Amino acid sequence: MTPPSFPPPTPPATSPPTPYASAVAEGIRAAGADLVGYVPSVSVAPVIAALVAADGGVDGASARVFPLSREEEAMGVLGALPLAGRFGAIVMQDNGFGNALTALTTFNLAYHLPLLIVANTRGGLGEYNSMIHTLSQYVPDLLDRVGLRVFELDRRSDPGDWTAVIAEAGTHARMTFRPVVVLAHFWATDGKAA
């Protein structure tokens, strides 16, 4: 008896990036990032998809956009680029600053290495994970306390503003020789990506 044959699996449908995700990707490109690293997460996936697609990559990576396993690794890999005359950006979730603070403060900040960090905020409107509030609600104050410049974006600003603020944050990082963080609220109130 021959086993039944099944049609090949259909790849999952991917929805196009939202206007906000596209705006974030455009802002990172406009900031002049030579390389973009990210820590994989469903909340930043639309931004990564837009960055990878614009760079001609597939499967979450391209010549300039690539995943990293942890936030502190991202600070070291992308944060060292100014030592070679280049500029990096990181896309991550704000709760990842719990992992990244030691590397960020003792390397990037202490050695005046410009770096653009765009972090999705968690714990706000539409947050489905009740445990995430424990750290995320304190992230803006925590980053300010250690001396990092933080700019915040939410849906009160249109996507064009998001692009401009992220691009200007990259300029500010280079001008001040410091890491700069943009906290962006990607969640809609129904818990779906904005």
Protein backbone atom coordinates (compact mmCIF):
# COMPACT_ATOMS: atom_id res chain seq x y z
CA MET A 1 0.00 0.00 0.00
CA THR A 2 1.35 3.37 -0.97
CA PRO A 3 1.05 6.20 1.51
CA PRO A 4 -1.30 9.03 0.56
CA SER A 5 0.33 12.03 -1.03
CA PHE A 6 -0.34 15.46 0.36
CA PRO A 7 0.06 18.77 -1.41
CA PRO A 8 3.09 20.80 -0.33
CA PRO A 9 2.40 23.08 2.61
CA THR A 10 1.31 26.58 1.82
CA PRO A 11 3.65 29.17 3.31
CA PRO A 12 1.97 31.34 5.95
CA ALA A 13 0.54 34.56 4.65
CA THR A 14 2.38 37.62 5.80
CA SER A 15 0.56 40.88 6.03
CA PRO A 16 2.27 43.97 4.70
CA PRO A 17 3.88 46.24 7.27
CA THR A 18 1.56 48.84 8.77
CA PRO A 19 2.15 52.55 8.09
CA TYR A 20 3.84 52.84 11.51
CA ALA A 21 6.13 49.87 10.94
CA SER A 22 7.06 51.22 7.52
CA ALA A 23 7.67 54.65 9.08
CA VAL A 24 10.06 53.14 11.64
CA ALA A 25 11.97 51.30 8.92
CA GLU A 26 12.16 54.45 6.81
CA GLY A 27 13.39 56.46 9.81
CA ILE A 28 16.16 53.94 10.49
CA ARG A 29 17.24 54.06 6.84
CA ALA A 30 17.06 57.89 6.86
CA ALA A 31 19.22 57.93 10.01
CA GLY A 32 21.99 56.41 7.90
CA ALA A 33 22.39 53.14 9.76
CA ASP A 34 25.01 51.02 8.04
CA LEU A 35 23.87 47.86 9.85
CA VAL A 36 20.68 47.04 11.75
CA GLY A 37 20.53 44.29 14.32
CA TYR A 38 17.39 43.09 16.02
CA VAL A 39 16.27 40.77 18.75
CA PRO A 40 13.40 38.72 17.25
CA SER A 41 9.93 39.48 18.58
CA VAL A 42 6.45 39.40 17.13
CA SER A 43 5.97 43.06 18.06
CA VAL A 44 8.91 44.27 15.98
CA ALA A 45 8.44 41.72 13.17
CA PRO A 46 6.62 44.19 10.85
CA VAL A 47 9.50 46.67 11.18
CA ILE A 48 12.04 43.95 10.46
CA ALA A 49 10.01 42.77 7.46
CA ALA A 50 10.00 46.31 6.05
CA LEU A 51 13.76 46.74 6.62
CA VAL A 52 14.64 43.37 5.12
CA ALA A 53 12.36 43.84 2.11
CA ALA A 54 13.80 47.29 1.36
CA ASP A 55 17.28 45.80 1.51
CA GLY A 56 16.43 42.90 -0.84
CA GLY A 57 16.71 40.21 1.83
CA VAL A 58 14.52 37.25 2.70
CA ASP A 59 13.67 35.18 5.76
CA GLY A 60 14.39 37.94 8.28
CA ALA A 61 17.89 38.82 7.11
CA SER A 62 19.74 40.76 4.45
CA ALA A 63 23.23 42.07 3.88
CA ARG A 64 22.58 44.89 6.37
CA VAL A 65 19.78 43.57 8.62
CA PHE A 66 20.26 40.53 10.85
CA PRO A 67 19.01 38.90 14.07
CA LEU A 68 20.94 38.70 17.31
CA SER A 69 20.21 36.41 20.22
CA ARG A 70 20.19 38.89 23.12
CA GLU A 71 20.05 42.61 23.73
CA GLU A 72 23.49 42.89 25.32
CA GLU A 73 24.96 41.14 22.28
CA ALA A 74 23.28 43.77 20.10
CA MET A 75 24.86 46.58 22.17
CA GLY A 76 28.31 45.08 21.62
CA VAL A 77 27.99 44.18 17.95
CA LEU A 78 26.21 47.32 16.72
CA GLY A 79 27.69 49.60 19.35
CA ALA A 80 31.24 48.87 18.20
CA LEU A 81 30.59 50.07 14.64
CA PRO A 82 31.74 53.67 15.35
CA LEU A 83 35.18 52.24 16.13
CA ALA A 84 35.29 51.32 12.42
CA GLY A 85 33.75 54.59 11.23
CA ARG A 86 30.25 53.15 10.80
CA PHE A 87 26.88 53.61 12.48
CA GLY A 88 24.47 50.99 13.76
CA ALA A 89 20.86 50.68 14.83
CA ILE A 90 19.07 48.16 17.01
CA VAL A 91 15.39 47.19 16.95
CA MET A 92 14.15 45.50 20.13
CA GLN A 93 11.48 45.50 22.84
CA ASP A 94 11.83 47.82 25.82
CA ASN A 95 11.79 44.97 28.33
CA GLY A 96 15.12 43.93 26.77
CA PHE A 97 16.80 46.85 28.54
CA GLY A 98 16.81 44.59 31.58
CA ASN A 99 19.39 42.49 29.72
CA ALA A 100 21.16 45.37 27.99
CA LEU A 101 21.84 47.96 30.69
CA THR A 102 25.27 46.77 31.79
CA ALA A 103 26.63 46.61 28.23
CA LEU A 104 24.89 49.85 27.27
CA THR A 105 26.20 51.87 30.22
CA THR A 106 29.71 50.42 30.55
CA PHE A 107 30.48 50.24 26.84
CA ASN A 108 28.32 52.36 24.53
CA LEU A 109 27.63 55.23 26.91
CA ALA A 110 30.97 55.20 28.73
CA TYR A 111 33.00 55.20 25.51
CA HIS A 112 30.85 57.79 23.70
CA LEU A 113 29.75 55.44 20.93
CA PRO A 114 26.77 56.69 18.94
CA LEU A 115 24.02 54.13 18.47
CA LEU A 116 20.36 54.34 17.49
CA ILE A 117 18.05 52.07 19.48
CA VAL A 118 14.39 51.81 18.49
CA ALA A 119 12.45 49.86 21.09
CA ASN A 120 8.84 48.82 21.05
CA THR A 121 7.21 49.74 24.34
CA ARG A 122 5.36 47.09 26.27
CA GLY A 123 2.96 47.38 29.16
CA GLY A 124 0.80 50.19 27.81
CA LEU A 125 -2.61 50.30 26.18
CA GLY A 126 -3.50 47.00 24.57
CA GLU A 127 -0.83 45.00 26.40
CA TYR A 128 -2.00 41.40 26.71
CA ASN A 129 0.83 40.19 28.98
CA SER A 130 0.11 41.36 32.52
CA MET A 131 3.59 40.40 33.74
CA ILE A 132 5.39 42.73 31.34
CA HIS A 133 4.34 45.84 33.30
CA THR A 134 6.79 44.92 36.08
CA LEU A 135 9.75 46.27 34.10
CA SER A 136 8.36 48.10 31.10
CA GLN A 137 6.51 50.82 32.98
CA TYR A 138 9.83 51.97 34.47
CA VAL A 139 11.95 51.86 31.32
CA PRO A 140 11.71 55.58 30.38
CA ASP A 141 12.70 56.68 33.89
CA LEU A 142 15.39 54.01 34.13
CA LEU A 143 17.01 55.06 30.86
CA ASP A 144 16.85 58.71 31.85
CA ARG A 145 18.41 57.87 35.22
CA VAL A 146 21.47 56.26 33.61
CA GLY A 147 21.94 59.26 31.30
CA LEU A 148 20.46 58.09 28.01
CA ARG A 149 18.46 60.43 25.79
CA VAL A 150 14.99 59.03 25.22
CA PHE A 151 12.38 60.17 22.71
CA GLU A 152 8.89 58.66 22.81
CA LEU A 153 6.42 58.03 20.00
CA ASP A 154 2.83 56.83 20.09
CA ARG A 155 -0.27 56.96 17.91
CA ARG A 156 -0.88 60.63 18.72
CA SER A 157 1.77 61.31 16.06
CA ASP A 158 1.28 60.29 12.46
CA PRO A 159 3.69 57.91 10.70
CA GLY A 160 5.50 60.80 9.02
CA ASP A 161 6.39 62.18 12.45
CA TRP A 162 7.71 58.75 13.46
CA THR A 163 10.04 58.71 10.45
CA ALA A 164 11.31 62.22 11.17
CA VAL A 165 11.87 61.65 14.90
CA ILE A 166 13.76 58.39 14.33
CA ALA A 167 15.95 59.97 11.64
CA GLU A 168 16.65 62.96 13.90
CA ALA A 169 17.44 60.62 16.82
CA GLY A 170 20.11 59.01 14.65
CA THR A 171 21.56 62.44 13.86
CA HIS A 172 21.46 63.31 17.57
CA ALA A 173 23.34 60.11 18.46
CA ARG A 174 26.11 60.95 16.02
CA MET A 175 26.24 64.60 17.02
CA THR A 176 26.46 63.87 20.76
CA PHE A 177 28.55 60.68 20.47
CA ARG A 178 26.03 58.83 22.62
CA PRO A 179 23.43 56.10 22.27
CA VAL A 180 19.92 57.48 21.74
CA VAL A 181 16.72 55.53 22.41
CA VAL A 182 13.39 55.96 20.66
CA LEU A 183 10.57 54.26 22.54
CA ALA A 184 7.76 53.56 20.08
CA HIS A 185 4.34 52.22 21.04
CA PHE A 186 3.51 49.64 18.32
CA TRP A 187 0.41 48.13 19.90
CA ALA A 188 -3.16 49.05 19.14
CA THR A 189 -5.70 48.89 21.94
CA ASP A 190 -6.98 45.53 20.69
CA GLY A 191 -3.54 43.94 21.27
CA LYS A 192 -2.67 43.76 17.59
CA ALA A 193 0.33 45.49 16.08
CA ALA A 194 -0.34 49.12 15.26
